[in-house]
Amino acid sequence: MEGHGFKTAHIDELAREDGWSPIRQSLGVRAFGINAWTAREADSEVIENHDETPSGHEELYIVTSGKATFTVQGEHIDAVPGTLVFVPDPAAIRGAVAEEPGTTVLVIGARPGEAFRPRSWETNAQVIALLDRGENEEAKRVLTEALARGEYEDSAGLLYNLACAEALLGETYDALEHLRAALAERPAFATDARGDDDLAALRDDPRFAELTADG
């Protein structure tokens, strides 16, 4: 619901099939990152193991329903509704497993001392599902529009996935150019590219071998 000077929503109404509730995108939040994740089954991952080194974000996790076990730098934390888990160190490895079906964790994050800009994983999460379903034209459209908006502070993942979509569509020149741009921003993608089936159509092209060569 939207009123004069406010918006409202419910986490469950925003939830996608993968359990992600894209709160920031849905409400248009610009000052900080905020999302929720829901595990449908017990013993399933509700927060994937990761660090925030690429973003530099500190993160606050809030259990709103169910029960979860967090692991932060090897230490386990039992988390019932109302539990706050604050991870200020971007390099700290963190993750959580649901102990009950319907466990939901709200996540808030931003880089201290700087104006917030969202990161491109939000769009990439949607695009990967499109590519998995073979909806390559739609994936290309979503990625092209995201790059044109210029709202994200990082673009390597968008460019890489755009190259994948174009390769699958037989658009070799554009795919190679966008792969080149992705690798310029994140050279580590070269390893992914060499084994990525979405880029298989490019492998016999000498330009692909040059782009993804070791060292």
N, C-alpha and C. Protein backbone atom coordinates (compact mmCIF):
# COMPACT_ATOMS: atom_id res chain seq x y z
N MET A 1 0.85 -1.19 0.00
CA MET A 1 0.00 0.00 0.00
C MET A 1 0.88 1.24 0.00
N GLU A 2 0.44 2.28 -0.68
CA GLU A 2 1.18 3.52 -0.73
C GLU A 2 0.26 4.67 -0.37
N GLY A 3 0.71 5.50 0.56
CA GLY A 3 -0.07 6.65 0.97
C GLY A 3 0.74 7.92 0.82
N HIS A 4 0.27 8.99 1.42
CA HIS A 4 0.96 10.27 1.33
C HIS A 4 2.21 10.23 2.21
N GLY A 5 3.36 10.06 1.56
CA GLY A 5 4.61 10.06 2.30
C GLY A 5 5.01 8.73 2.89
N PHE A 6 4.35 7.63 2.50
CA PHE A 6 4.74 6.33 3.05
C PHE A 6 4.35 5.20 2.11
N LYS A 7 4.98 4.04 2.33
CA LYS A 7 4.64 2.80 1.63
C LYS A 7 4.61 1.69 2.67
N THR A 8 3.78 0.70 2.45
CA THR A 8 3.76 -0.47 3.33
C THR A 8 3.77 -1.73 2.48
N ALA A 9 4.26 -2.79 3.06
CA ALA A 9 4.28 -4.09 2.39
C ALA A 9 4.46 -5.14 3.48
N HIS A 10 4.27 -6.41 3.12
CA HIS A 10 4.51 -7.51 4.04
C HIS A 10 5.57 -8.42 3.43
N ILE A 11 6.49 -8.87 4.25
CA ILE A 11 7.58 -9.72 3.77
C ILE A 11 7.04 -10.90 2.98
N ASP A 12 6.00 -11.55 3.49
CA ASP A 12 5.45 -12.73 2.81
C ASP A 12 4.91 -12.40 1.43
N GLU A 13 4.33 -11.21 1.28
CA GLU A 13 3.78 -10.82 -0.01
C GLU A 13 4.87 -10.54 -1.04
N LEU A 14 6.04 -10.13 -0.57
CA LEU A 14 7.15 -9.82 -1.47
C LEU A 14 7.98 -11.05 -1.82
N ALA A 15 7.82 -12.13 -1.05
CA ALA A 15 8.72 -13.29 -1.18
C ALA A 15 8.61 -13.94 -2.55
N ARG A 16 9.77 -14.26 -3.13
CA ARG A 16 9.84 -15.00 -4.38
C ARG A 16 9.97 -16.49 -4.09
N GLU A 17 9.98 -17.28 -5.14
CA GLU A 17 10.06 -18.73 -4.97
C GLU A 17 11.33 -19.16 -4.26
N ASP A 18 12.42 -18.41 -4.47
CA ASP A 18 13.69 -18.78 -3.84
C ASP A 18 13.80 -18.29 -2.40
N GLY A 19 12.74 -17.66 -1.88
CA GLY A 19 12.73 -17.21 -0.49
C GLY A 19 13.19 -15.79 -0.29
N TRP A 20 13.64 -15.13 -1.34
CA TRP A 20 14.10 -13.75 -1.23
C TRP A 20 12.93 -12.78 -1.29
N SER A 21 12.85 -11.88 -0.32
CA SER A 21 11.90 -10.78 -0.36
C SER A 21 12.68 -9.50 -0.68
N PRO A 22 12.60 -8.98 -1.91
CA PRO A 22 13.41 -7.83 -2.31
C PRO A 22 12.84 -6.51 -1.78
N ILE A 23 13.04 -6.29 -0.51
CA ILE A 23 12.43 -5.14 0.17
C ILE A 23 12.96 -3.82 -0.39
N ARG A 24 14.27 -3.72 -0.55
CA ARG A 24 14.85 -2.45 -1.00
C ARG A 24 14.27 -2.04 -2.35
N GLN A 25 14.28 -3.00 -3.28
CA GLN A 25 13.75 -2.71 -4.61
C GLN A 25 12.27 -2.39 -4.57
N SER A 26 11.52 -3.18 -3.82
CA SER A 26 10.06 -3.05 -3.83
C SER A 26 9.60 -1.72 -3.23
N LEU A 27 10.29 -1.27 -2.19
CA LEU A 27 9.89 -0.02 -1.53
C LEU A 27 10.68 1.19 -2.02
N GLY A 28 11.70 0.93 -2.81
CA GLY A 28 12.51 2.04 -3.32
C GLY A 28 13.43 2.65 -2.27
N VAL A 29 13.93 1.82 -1.34
CA VAL A 29 14.83 2.32 -0.30
C VAL A 29 16.17 2.68 -0.94
N ARG A 30 16.68 3.89 -0.61
CA ARG A 30 17.93 4.34 -1.21
C ARG A 30 19.05 4.56 -0.20
N ALA A 31 18.73 4.61 1.08
CA ALA A 31 19.73 4.97 2.09
C ALA A 31 20.53 3.79 2.60
N PHE A 32 20.01 2.56 2.42
CA PHE A 32 20.69 1.37 2.93
C PHE A 32 20.12 0.15 2.23
N GLY A 33 20.85 -0.95 2.30
CA GLY A 33 20.35 -2.20 1.75
C GLY A 33 19.49 -2.91 2.77
N ILE A 34 18.36 -3.41 2.35
CA ILE A 34 17.48 -4.16 3.25
C ILE A 34 16.72 -5.21 2.45
N ASN A 35 16.81 -6.46 2.89
CA ASN A 35 16.14 -7.58 2.24
C ASN A 35 15.78 -8.60 3.30
N ALA A 36 14.95 -9.55 2.94
CA ALA A 36 14.62 -10.65 3.85
C ALA A 36 14.75 -11.96 3.09
N TRP A 37 15.09 -13.01 3.85
CA TRP A 37 15.22 -14.35 3.29
C TRP A 37 14.43 -15.32 4.14
N THR A 38 13.68 -16.19 3.50
CA THR A 38 12.84 -17.16 4.20
C THR A 38 13.19 -18.56 3.74
N ALA A 39 13.41 -19.45 4.69
CA ALA A 39 13.65 -20.87 4.39
C ALA A 39 12.34 -21.62 4.52
N ARG A 40 11.96 -22.34 3.49
CA ARG A 40 10.69 -23.06 3.51
C ARG A 40 10.74 -24.31 4.38
N GLU A 41 11.95 -24.88 4.52
CA GLU A 41 12.09 -26.15 5.24
C GLU A 41 13.16 -26.02 6.31
N ALA A 42 13.02 -26.84 7.36
CA ALA A 42 14.05 -26.93 8.39
C ALA A 42 15.32 -27.53 7.79
N ASP A 43 16.45 -27.19 8.37
CA ASP A 43 17.77 -27.68 7.96
C ASP A 43 18.18 -27.17 6.59
N SER A 44 17.54 -26.11 6.11
CA SER A 44 17.93 -25.52 4.83
C SER A 44 18.61 -24.18 5.08
N GLU A 45 19.41 -23.77 4.15
CA GLU A 45 20.16 -22.53 4.27
C GLU A 45 19.22 -21.34 4.14
N VAL A 46 19.29 -20.44 5.12
CA VAL A 46 18.47 -19.23 5.02
C VAL A 46 19.35 -18.03 4.68
N ILE A 47 20.59 -18.03 5.13
CA ILE A 47 21.59 -17.05 4.72
C ILE A 47 22.80 -17.83 4.22
N GLU A 48 23.16 -17.66 2.97
CA GLU A 48 24.28 -18.43 2.43
C GLU A 48 25.58 -18.00 3.09
N ASN A 49 26.53 -18.92 3.15
CA ASN A 49 27.85 -18.57 3.67
C ASN A 49 28.52 -17.59 2.71
N HIS A 50 28.94 -16.46 3.25
CA HIS A 50 29.56 -15.45 2.40
C HIS A 50 30.29 -14.44 3.27
N ASP A 51 31.05 -13.58 2.61
CA ASP A 51 31.58 -12.40 3.29
C ASP A 51 31.15 -11.18 2.48
N GLU A 52 31.41 -10.00 3.02
CA GLU A 52 31.01 -8.76 2.35
C GLU A 52 32.23 -7.95 1.91
N THR A 53 33.35 -8.65 1.68
CA THR A 53 34.56 -7.95 1.25
C THR A 53 34.35 -7.13 -0.02
N PRO A 54 33.65 -7.66 -1.04
CA PRO A 54 33.47 -6.84 -2.25
C PRO A 54 32.69 -5.55 -2.00
N SER A 55 31.72 -5.60 -1.10
CA SER A 55 30.87 -4.43 -0.86
C SER A 55 31.39 -3.53 0.24
N GLY A 56 32.15 -4.09 1.18
CA GLY A 56 32.58 -3.32 2.35
C GLY A 56 31.47 -3.05 3.33
N HIS A 57 30.35 -3.75 3.21
CA HIS A 57 29.20 -3.49 4.07
C HIS A 57 29.36 -4.13 5.46
N GLU A 58 28.86 -3.43 6.47
CA GLU A 58 28.57 -4.09 7.73
C GLU A 58 27.10 -4.49 7.68
N GLU A 59 26.75 -5.60 8.33
CA GLU A 59 25.39 -6.12 8.20
C GLU A 59 24.78 -6.47 9.56
N LEU A 60 23.49 -6.20 9.65
CA LEU A 60 22.70 -6.56 10.82
C LEU A 60 21.64 -7.56 10.38
N TYR A 61 21.60 -8.71 11.05
CA TYR A 61 20.64 -9.77 10.77
C TYR A 61 19.63 -9.83 11.91
N ILE A 62 18.35 -9.89 11.58
CA ILE A 62 17.28 -9.92 12.57
C ILE A 62 16.36 -11.10 12.26
N VAL A 63 16.24 -12.03 13.18
CA VAL A 63 15.33 -13.16 13.00
C VAL A 63 13.92 -12.68 13.35
N THR A 64 13.01 -12.77 12.37
CA THR A 64 11.64 -12.30 12.61
C THR A 64 10.65 -13.43 12.84
N SER A 65 11.02 -14.65 12.39
CA SER A 65 10.14 -15.80 12.65
C SER A 65 10.97 -17.07 12.57
N GLY A 66 10.47 -18.14 13.21
CA GLY A 66 11.17 -19.42 13.20
C GLY A 66 12.37 -19.42 14.12
N LYS A 67 13.39 -20.15 13.75
CA LYS A 67 14.62 -20.25 14.53
C LYS A 67 15.76 -20.59 13.59
N ALA A 68 16.92 -19.98 13.84
CA ALA A 68 18.07 -20.20 12.97
C ALA A 68 19.32 -20.41 13.80
N THR A 69 20.28 -21.09 13.22
CA THR A 69 21.62 -21.18 13.79
C THR A 69 22.57 -20.43 12.88
N PHE A 70 23.13 -19.34 13.37
CA PHE A 70 24.11 -18.57 12.63
C PHE A 70 25.50 -19.12 12.91
N THR A 71 26.35 -19.03 11.92
CA THR A 71 27.76 -19.32 12.10
C THR A 71 28.54 -18.11 11.59
N VAL A 72 29.29 -17.47 12.49
CA VAL A 72 30.09 -16.30 12.14
C VAL A 72 31.53 -16.59 12.54
N GLN A 73 32.40 -16.68 11.55
CA GLN A 73 33.81 -16.97 11.80
C GLN A 73 33.98 -18.23 12.64
N GLY A 74 33.14 -19.24 12.36
CA GLY A 74 33.24 -20.52 13.04
C GLY A 74 32.51 -20.61 14.37
N GLU A 75 31.95 -19.50 14.84
CA GLU A 75 31.21 -19.51 16.11
C GLU A 75 29.72 -19.63 15.83
N HIS A 76 29.03 -20.48 16.60
CA HIS A 76 27.61 -20.75 16.40
C HIS A 76 26.76 -19.91 17.34
N ILE A 77 25.64 -19.41 16.79
CA ILE A 77 24.73 -18.56 17.55
C ILE A 77 23.32 -19.07 17.35
N ASP A 78 22.63 -19.46 18.42
CA ASP A 78 21.23 -19.84 18.35
C ASP A 78 20.39 -18.57 18.31
N ALA A 79 19.51 -18.48 17.31
CA ALA A 79 18.78 -17.24 17.09
C ALA A 79 17.28 -17.50 16.98
N VAL A 80 16.54 -17.05 17.99
CA VAL A 80 15.08 -17.12 18.00
C VAL A 80 14.54 -15.75 17.56
N PRO A 81 13.23 -15.63 17.32
CA PRO A 81 12.69 -14.33 16.90
C PRO A 81 13.09 -13.21 17.86
N GLY A 82 13.53 -12.12 17.26
CA GLY A 82 14.01 -10.98 18.04
C GLY A 82 15.51 -10.93 18.21
N THR A 83 16.20 -12.02 17.84
CA THR A 83 17.66 -12.06 17.96
C THR A 83 18.30 -11.16 16.90
N LEU A 84 19.28 -10.37 17.35
CA LEU A 84 20.05 -9.51 16.46
C LEU A 84 21.46 -10.07 16.34
N VAL A 85 21.95 -10.22 15.13
CA VAL A 85 23.33 -10.65 14.89
C VAL A 85 23.99 -9.57 14.03
N PHE A 86 24.91 -8.83 14.63
CA PHE A 86 25.57 -7.73 13.92
C PHE A 86 26.98 -8.15 13.53
N VAL A 87 27.29 -8.01 12.24
CA VAL A 87 28.61 -8.40 11.74
C VAL A 87 29.25 -7.15 11.11
N PRO A 88 30.07 -6.43 11.87
CA PRO A 88 30.66 -5.20 11.36
C PRO A 88 31.84 -5.41 10.42
N ASP A 89 32.50 -6.57 10.50
CA ASP A 89 33.68 -6.83 9.71
C ASP A 89 33.29 -7.43 8.36
N PRO A 90 33.49 -6.70 7.25
CA PRO A 90 33.11 -7.24 5.95
C PRO A 90 33.80 -8.57 5.61
N ALA A 91 34.98 -8.80 6.16
CA ALA A 91 35.73 -10.00 5.82
C ALA A 91 35.27 -11.24 6.59
N ALA A 92 34.42 -11.06 7.59
CA ALA A 92 33.96 -12.18 8.41
C ALA A 92 33.03 -13.09 7.59
N ILE A 93 33.30 -14.38 7.63
CA ILE A 93 32.43 -15.35 6.95
C ILE A 93 31.22 -15.60 7.83
N ARG A 94 30.04 -15.45 7.24
CA ARG A 94 28.80 -15.65 7.99
C ARG A 94 27.78 -16.41 7.15
N GLY A 95 26.85 -17.08 7.86
CA GLY A 95 25.78 -17.82 7.22
C GLY A 95 24.81 -18.29 8.28
N ALA A 96 23.66 -18.81 7.86
CA ALA A 96 22.66 -19.28 8.82
C ALA A 96 21.84 -20.41 8.21
N VAL A 97 21.48 -21.36 9.06
CA VAL A 97 20.65 -22.50 8.69
C VAL A 97 19.36 -22.43 9.49
N ALA A 98 18.23 -22.66 8.83
CA ALA A 98 16.94 -22.65 9.50
C ALA A 98 16.76 -23.91 10.34
N GLU A 99 16.30 -23.73 11.55
CA GLU A 99 15.98 -24.86 12.41
C GLU A 99 14.50 -25.22 12.36
N GLU A 100 13.70 -24.31 11.81
CA GLU A 100 12.26 -24.52 11.69
C GLU A 100 11.79 -24.07 10.31
N PRO A 101 10.72 -24.70 9.77
CA PRO A 101 10.17 -24.21 8.50
C PRO A 101 9.66 -22.78 8.67
N GLY A 102 9.77 -21.98 7.63
CA GLY A 102 9.26 -20.62 7.69
C GLY A 102 10.14 -19.65 8.45
N THR A 103 11.38 -20.02 8.66
CA THR A 103 12.31 -19.11 9.33
C THR A 103 12.64 -17.95 8.40
N THR A 104 12.49 -16.73 8.91
CA THR A 104 12.76 -15.53 8.13
C THR A 104 13.79 -14.67 8.82
N VAL A 105 14.76 -14.21 8.04
CA VAL A 105 15.81 -13.33 8.55
C VAL A 105 15.80 -12.04 7.73
N LEU A 106 15.69 -10.92 8.44
CA LEU A 106 15.78 -9.60 7.83
C LEU A 106 17.24 -9.15 7.86
N VAL A 107 17.72 -8.60 6.75
CA VAL A 107 19.13 -8.21 6.64
C VAL A 107 19.20 -6.74 6.24
N ILE A 108 19.98 -5.97 7.01
CA ILE A 108 20.19 -4.55 6.73
C ILE A 108 21.69 -4.32 6.59
N GLY A 109 22.12 -3.62 5.56
CA GLY A 109 23.55 -3.42 5.38
C GLY A 109 23.89 -2.15 4.63
N ALA A 110 25.10 -1.65 4.86
CA ALA A 110 25.63 -0.49 4.14
C ALA A 110 27.09 -0.34 4.50
N ARG A 111 27.81 0.47 3.73
CA ARG A 111 29.22 0.74 4.01
C ARG A 111 29.30 1.96 4.92
N PRO A 112 29.96 1.83 6.07
CA PRO A 112 30.02 2.95 7.02
C PRO A 112 30.67 4.19 6.41
N GLY A 113 30.09 5.34 6.69
CA GLY A 113 30.69 6.61 6.32
C GLY A 113 30.54 7.01 4.88
N GLU A 114 29.78 6.27 4.09
CA GLU A 114 29.61 6.60 2.68
C GLU A 114 28.14 6.55 2.30
N ALA A 115 27.81 7.35 1.28
CA ALA A 115 26.45 7.29 0.75
C ALA A 115 26.20 5.91 0.16
N PHE A 116 25.05 5.36 0.43
CA PHE A 116 24.74 4.00 -0.02
C PHE A 116 24.43 3.97 -1.51
N ARG A 117 24.98 2.96 -2.19
CA ARG A 117 24.57 2.61 -3.54
C ARG A 117 24.34 1.11 -3.56
N PRO A 118 23.25 0.65 -4.15
CA PRO A 118 22.97 -0.78 -4.18
C PRO A 118 23.97 -1.51 -5.07
N ARG A 119 24.04 -2.83 -4.86
CA ARG A 119 24.95 -3.66 -5.66
C ARG A 119 24.13 -4.56 -6.58
N SER A 120 24.79 -4.98 -7.64
CA SER A 120 24.08 -5.59 -8.78
C SER A 120 23.58 -7.01 -8.54
N TRP A 121 23.90 -7.62 -7.39
CA TRP A 121 23.42 -8.98 -7.14
C TRP A 121 21.90 -9.03 -7.19
N GLU A 122 21.24 -7.89 -6.88
CA GLU A 122 19.78 -7.88 -6.89
C GLU A 122 19.25 -8.26 -8.28
N THR A 123 19.78 -7.62 -9.31
CA THR A 123 19.35 -7.93 -10.66
C THR A 123 19.89 -9.28 -11.13
N ASN A 124 21.14 -9.58 -10.78
CA ASN A 124 21.72 -10.86 -11.20
C ASN A 124 20.95 -12.04 -10.65
N ALA A 125 20.42 -11.92 -9.43
CA ALA A 125 19.63 -13.01 -8.85
C ALA A 125 18.40 -13.31 -9.70
N GLN A 126 17.80 -12.26 -10.25
CA GLN A 126 16.63 -12.46 -11.11
C GLN A 126 17.04 -13.04 -12.46
N VAL A 127 18.16 -12.57 -12.98
CA VAL A 127 18.59 -12.96 -14.32
C VAL A 127 19.03 -14.41 -14.37
N ILE A 128 19.71 -14.88 -13.34
CA ILE A 128 20.15 -16.28 -13.33
C ILE A 128 18.96 -17.21 -13.46
N ALA A 129 17.86 -16.88 -12.78
CA ALA A 129 16.65 -17.70 -12.90
C ALA A 129 16.11 -17.65 -14.33
N LEU A 130 16.16 -16.49 -14.98
CA LEU A 130 15.70 -16.38 -16.37
C LEU A 130 16.56 -17.22 -17.30
N LEU A 131 17.88 -17.16 -17.11
CA LEU A 131 18.78 -17.95 -17.95
C LEU A 131 18.56 -19.45 -17.74
N ASP A 132 18.32 -19.83 -16.49
CA ASP A 132 18.07 -21.25 -16.20
C ASP A 132 16.82 -21.75 -16.90
N ARG A 133 15.85 -20.86 -17.10
CA ARG A 133 14.61 -21.24 -17.77
C ARG A 133 14.69 -21.05 -19.28
N GLY A 134 15.83 -20.61 -19.78
CA GLY A 134 15.97 -20.40 -21.22
C GLY A 134 15.34 -19.13 -21.72
N GLU A 135 14.99 -18.20 -20.82
CA GLU A 135 14.37 -16.94 -21.22
C GLU A 135 15.48 -15.92 -21.49
N ASN A 136 16.25 -16.18 -22.54
CA ASN A 136 17.47 -15.41 -22.78
C ASN A 136 17.20 -13.99 -23.27
N GLU A 137 16.18 -13.81 -24.07
CA GLU A 137 15.83 -12.45 -24.53
C GLU A 137 15.40 -11.59 -23.34
N GLU A 138 14.61 -12.16 -22.44
CA GLU A 138 14.17 -11.40 -21.27
C GLU A 138 15.35 -11.09 -20.37
N ALA A 139 16.25 -12.06 -20.20
CA ALA A 139 17.45 -11.80 -19.40
C ALA A 139 18.25 -10.65 -19.99
N LYS A 140 18.41 -10.66 -21.30
CA LYS A 140 19.15 -9.57 -21.96
C LYS A 140 18.46 -8.23 -21.72
N ARG A 141 17.15 -8.20 -21.82
CA ARG A 141 16.41 -6.95 -21.61
C ARG A 141 16.62 -6.42 -20.19
N VAL A 142 16.47 -7.30 -19.20
CA VAL A 142 16.60 -6.88 -17.80
C VAL A 142 18.01 -6.34 -17.53
N LEU A 143 19.02 -7.04 -18.05
CA LEU A 143 20.41 -6.62 -17.84
C LEU A 143 20.72 -5.31 -18.55
N THR A 144 20.26 -5.17 -19.78
CA THR A 144 20.51 -3.95 -20.54
C THR A 144 19.89 -2.75 -19.84
N GLU A 145 18.68 -2.92 -19.35
CA GLU A 145 18.00 -1.82 -18.65
C GLU A 145 18.71 -1.48 -17.34
N ALA A 146 19.18 -2.51 -16.62
CA ALA A 146 19.89 -2.25 -15.36
C ALA A 146 21.19 -1.48 -15.61
N LEU A 147 21.92 -1.85 -16.65
CA LEU A 147 23.15 -1.14 -16.98
C LEU A 147 22.85 0.30 -17.41
N ALA A 148 21.78 0.49 -18.14
CA ALA A 148 21.42 1.84 -18.60
C ALA A 148 21.04 2.74 -17.44
N ARG A 149 20.40 2.18 -16.43
CA ARG A 149 20.01 2.99 -15.27
C ARG A 149 21.22 3.47 -14.48
N GLY A 150 22.28 2.65 -14.45
CA GLY A 150 23.50 3.04 -13.75
C GLY A 150 23.34 3.20 -12.26
N GLU A 151 22.42 2.48 -11.66
CA GLU A 151 22.15 2.66 -10.23
C GLU A 151 23.10 1.86 -9.33
N TYR A 152 23.75 0.83 -9.88
CA TYR A 152 24.58 -0.03 -9.05
C TYR A 152 26.02 0.45 -9.01
N GLU A 153 26.68 0.21 -7.88
CA GLU A 153 28.07 0.62 -7.75
C GLU A 153 29.02 -0.35 -8.45
N ASP A 154 28.56 -1.56 -8.77
CA ASP A 154 29.36 -2.54 -9.49
C ASP A 154 28.60 -2.99 -10.73
N SER A 155 29.33 -3.36 -11.77
CA SER A 155 28.65 -3.78 -13.00
C SER A 155 29.21 -5.05 -13.60
N ALA A 156 30.30 -5.60 -13.03
CA ALA A 156 30.95 -6.76 -13.64
C ALA A 156 29.99 -7.94 -13.79
N GLY A 157 29.21 -8.23 -12.76
CA GLY A 157 28.28 -9.35 -12.84
C GLY A 157 27.20 -9.15 -13.88
N LEU A 158 26.72 -7.91 -14.00
CA LEU A 158 25.72 -7.60 -15.03
C LEU A 158 26.30 -7.82 -16.43
N LEU A 159 27.52 -7.33 -16.63
CA LEU A 159 28.16 -7.47 -17.93
C LEU A 159 28.43 -8.94 -18.27
N TYR A 160 28.87 -9.68 -17.27
CA TYR A 160 29.15 -11.11 -17.48
C TYR A 160 27.87 -11.86 -17.87
N ASN A 161 26.80 -11.63 -17.13
CA ASN A 161 25.55 -12.32 -17.43
C ASN A 161 24.95 -11.85 -18.75
N LEU A 162 25.18 -10.58 -19.10
CA LEU A 162 24.73 -10.11 -20.41
C LEU A 162 25.49 -10.84 -21.52
N ALA A 163 26.79 -11.05 -21.32
CA ALA A 163 27.57 -11.83 -22.29
C ALA A 163 27.02 -13.25 -22.42
N CYS A 164 26.62 -13.84 -21.29
CA CYS A 164 26.03 -15.19 -21.33
C CYS A 164 24.74 -15.20 -22.14
N ALA A 165 23.86 -14.23 -21.88
CA ALA A 165 22.59 -14.18 -22.60
C ALA A 165 22.83 -14.00 -24.10
N GLU A 166 23.77 -13.12 -24.44
CA GLU A 166 24.04 -12.86 -25.86
C GLU A 166 24.68 -14.07 -26.53
N ALA A 167 25.55 -14.77 -25.82
CA ALA A 167 26.15 -15.98 -26.39
C ALA A 167 25.07 -17.02 -26.68
N LEU A 168 24.13 -17.16 -25.77
CA LEU A 168 23.05 -18.12 -25.96
C LEU A 168 22.13 -17.72 -27.11
N LEU A 169 22.08 -16.41 -27.40
CA LEU A 169 21.26 -15.90 -28.50
C LEU A 169 22.01 -15.87 -29.82
N GLY A 170 23.29 -16.29 -29.80
CA GLY A 170 24.08 -16.29 -31.02
C GLY A 170 24.66 -14.94 -31.39
N GLU A 171 24.67 -14.00 -30.46
CA GLU A 171 25.18 -12.64 -30.72
C GLU A 171 26.65 -12.58 -30.27
N THR A 172 27.50 -13.18 -31.07
CA THR A 172 28.88 -13.42 -30.67
C THR A 172 29.66 -12.14 -30.42
N TYR A 173 29.59 -11.19 -31.31
CA TYR A 173 30.38 -9.96 -31.16
C TYR A 173 30.02 -9.24 -29.87
N ASP A 174 28.74 -9.02 -29.63
CA ASP A 174 28.32 -8.32 -28.42
C ASP A 174 28.70 -9.11 -27.17
N ALA A 175 28.55 -10.43 -27.24
CA ALA A 175 28.89 -11.26 -26.08
C ALA A 175 30.37 -11.11 -25.72
N LEU A 176 31.23 -11.12 -26.72
CA LEU A 176 32.66 -10.99 -26.45
C LEU A 176 33.00 -9.60 -25.91
N GLU A 177 32.37 -8.58 -26.43
CA GLU A 177 32.64 -7.21 -25.95
C GLU A 177 32.18 -7.03 -24.51
N HIS A 178 31.03 -7.59 -24.17
CA HIS A 178 30.56 -7.46 -22.79
C HIS A 178 31.37 -8.34 -21.85
N LEU A 179 31.83 -9.49 -22.34
CA LEU A 179 32.72 -10.31 -21.51
C LEU A 179 34.03 -9.57 -21.27
N ARG A 180 34.54 -8.92 -22.28
CA ARG A 180 35.77 -8.13 -22.15
C ARG A 180 35.61 -7.05 -21.06
N ALA A 181 34.47 -6.37 -21.09
CA ALA A 181 34.22 -5.31 -20.11
C ALA A 181 34.08 -5.89 -18.70
N ALA A 182 33.44 -7.05 -18.60
CA ALA A 182 33.29 -7.70 -17.28
C ALA A 182 34.65 -8.09 -16.71
N LEU A 183 35.51 -8.64 -17.56
CA LEU A 183 36.82 -9.08 -17.09
C LEU A 183 37.72 -7.91 -16.74
N ALA A 184 37.52 -6.78 -17.39
CA ALA A 184 38.30 -5.58 -17.05
C ALA A 184 37.99 -5.13 -15.63
N GLU A 185 36.73 -5.30 -15.22
CA GLU A 185 36.35 -4.91 -13.86
C GLU A 185 36.65 -6.01 -12.85
N ARG A 186 36.47 -7.27 -13.25
CA ARG A 186 36.71 -8.39 -12.34
C ARG A 186 37.43 -9.52 -13.09
N PRO A 187 38.76 -9.47 -13.11
CA PRO A 187 39.53 -10.47 -13.86
C PRO A 187 39.26 -11.92 -13.43
N ALA A 188 38.86 -12.12 -12.17
CA ALA A 188 38.62 -13.48 -11.67
C ALA A 188 37.51 -14.19 -12.43
N PHE A 189 36.67 -13.44 -13.13
CA PHE A 189 35.60 -14.06 -13.93
C PHE A 189 36.15 -14.91 -15.07
N ALA A 190 37.42 -14.74 -15.42
CA ALA A 190 38.00 -15.53 -16.51
C ALA A 190 37.92 -17.01 -16.20
N THR A 191 38.18 -17.37 -14.95
CA THR A 191 38.10 -18.78 -14.55
C THR A 191 36.68 -19.30 -14.71
N ASP A 192 35.68 -18.52 -14.28
CA ASP A 192 34.28 -18.92 -14.43
C ASP A 192 33.93 -19.09 -15.90
N ALA A 193 34.40 -18.15 -16.71
CA ALA A 193 34.03 -18.15 -18.13
C ALA A 193 34.51 -19.41 -18.85
N ARG A 194 35.70 -19.88 -18.51
CA ARG A 194 36.25 -21.05 -19.20
C ARG A 194 35.39 -22.30 -19.01
N GLY A 195 34.66 -22.39 -17.89
CA GLY A 195 33.85 -23.57 -17.65
C GLY A 195 32.36 -23.33 -17.71
N ASP A 196 31.95 -22.13 -18.14
CA ASP A 196 30.54 -21.77 -18.12
C ASP A 196 29.85 -22.26 -19.39
N ASP A 197 28.87 -23.14 -19.25
CA ASP A 197 28.16 -23.69 -20.41
C ASP A 197 27.40 -22.61 -21.17
N ASP A 198 27.00 -21.53 -20.49
CA ASP A 198 26.29 -20.46 -21.19
C ASP A 198 27.18 -19.77 -22.22
N LEU A 199 28.48 -19.90 -22.07
CA LEU A 199 29.42 -19.27 -22.99
C LEU A 199 30.04 -20.28 -23.96
N ALA A 200 29.49 -21.48 -24.01
CA ALA A 200 30.07 -22.56 -24.82
C ALA A 200 30.18 -22.16 -26.29
N ALA A 201 29.24 -21.36 -26.79
CA ALA A 201 29.25 -20.98 -28.19
C ALA A 201 30.45 -20.12 -28.55
N LEU A 202 31.12 -19.57 -27.54
CA LEU A 202 32.26 -18.69 -27.80
C LEU A 202 33.60 -19.40 -27.74
N ARG A 203 33.62 -20.63 -27.28
CA ARG A 203 34.90 -21.27 -26.95
C ARG A 203 35.81 -21.51 -28.15
N ASP A 204 35.26 -21.68 -29.33
CA ASP A 204 36.09 -21.92 -30.51
C ASP A 204 36.59 -20.62 -31.12
N ASP A 205 36.17 -19.49 -30.56
CA ASP A 205 36.60 -18.20 -31.08
C ASP A 205 37.93 -17.82 -30.44
N PRO A 206 38.95 -17.53 -31.21
CA PRO A 206 40.26 -17.20 -30.64
C PRO A 206 40.22 -15.99 -29.72
N ARG A 207 39.27 -15.10 -29.92
CA ARG A 207 39.16 -13.93 -29.03
C ARG A 207 38.74 -14.36 -27.63
N PHE A 208 37.92 -15.39 -27.54
CA PHE A 208 37.53 -15.91 -26.22
C PHE A 208 38.74 -16.50 -25.50
N ALA A 209 39.52 -17.27 -26.21
CA ALA A 209 40.71 -17.87 -25.60
C ALA A 209 41.68 -16.79 -25.12
N GLU A 210 41.81 -15.73 -25.90
CA GLU A 210 42.69 -14.64 -25.51
C GLU A 210 42.19 -13.92 -24.26
N LEU A 211 40.88 -13.69 -24.22
CA LEU A 211 40.30 -12.98 -23.09
C LEU A 211 40.43 -13.77 -21.79
N THR A 212 40.27 -15.07 -21.87
CA THR A 212 40.18 -15.88 -20.65
C THR A 212 41.46 -16.64 -20.34
N ALA A 213 42.54 -16.31 -21.03
CA ALA A 213 43.80 -17.02 -20.80
C ALA A 213 44.33 -16.76 -19.40
N ASP A 214 44.97 -17.76 -18.79
CA ASP A 214 45.62 -17.61 -17.49
C ASP A 214 46.75 -16.60 -17.60
N GLY A 215 46.82 -15.75 -16.53
CA GLY A 215 47.95 -14.83 -16.45
C GLY A 215 47.96 -13.80 -17.55
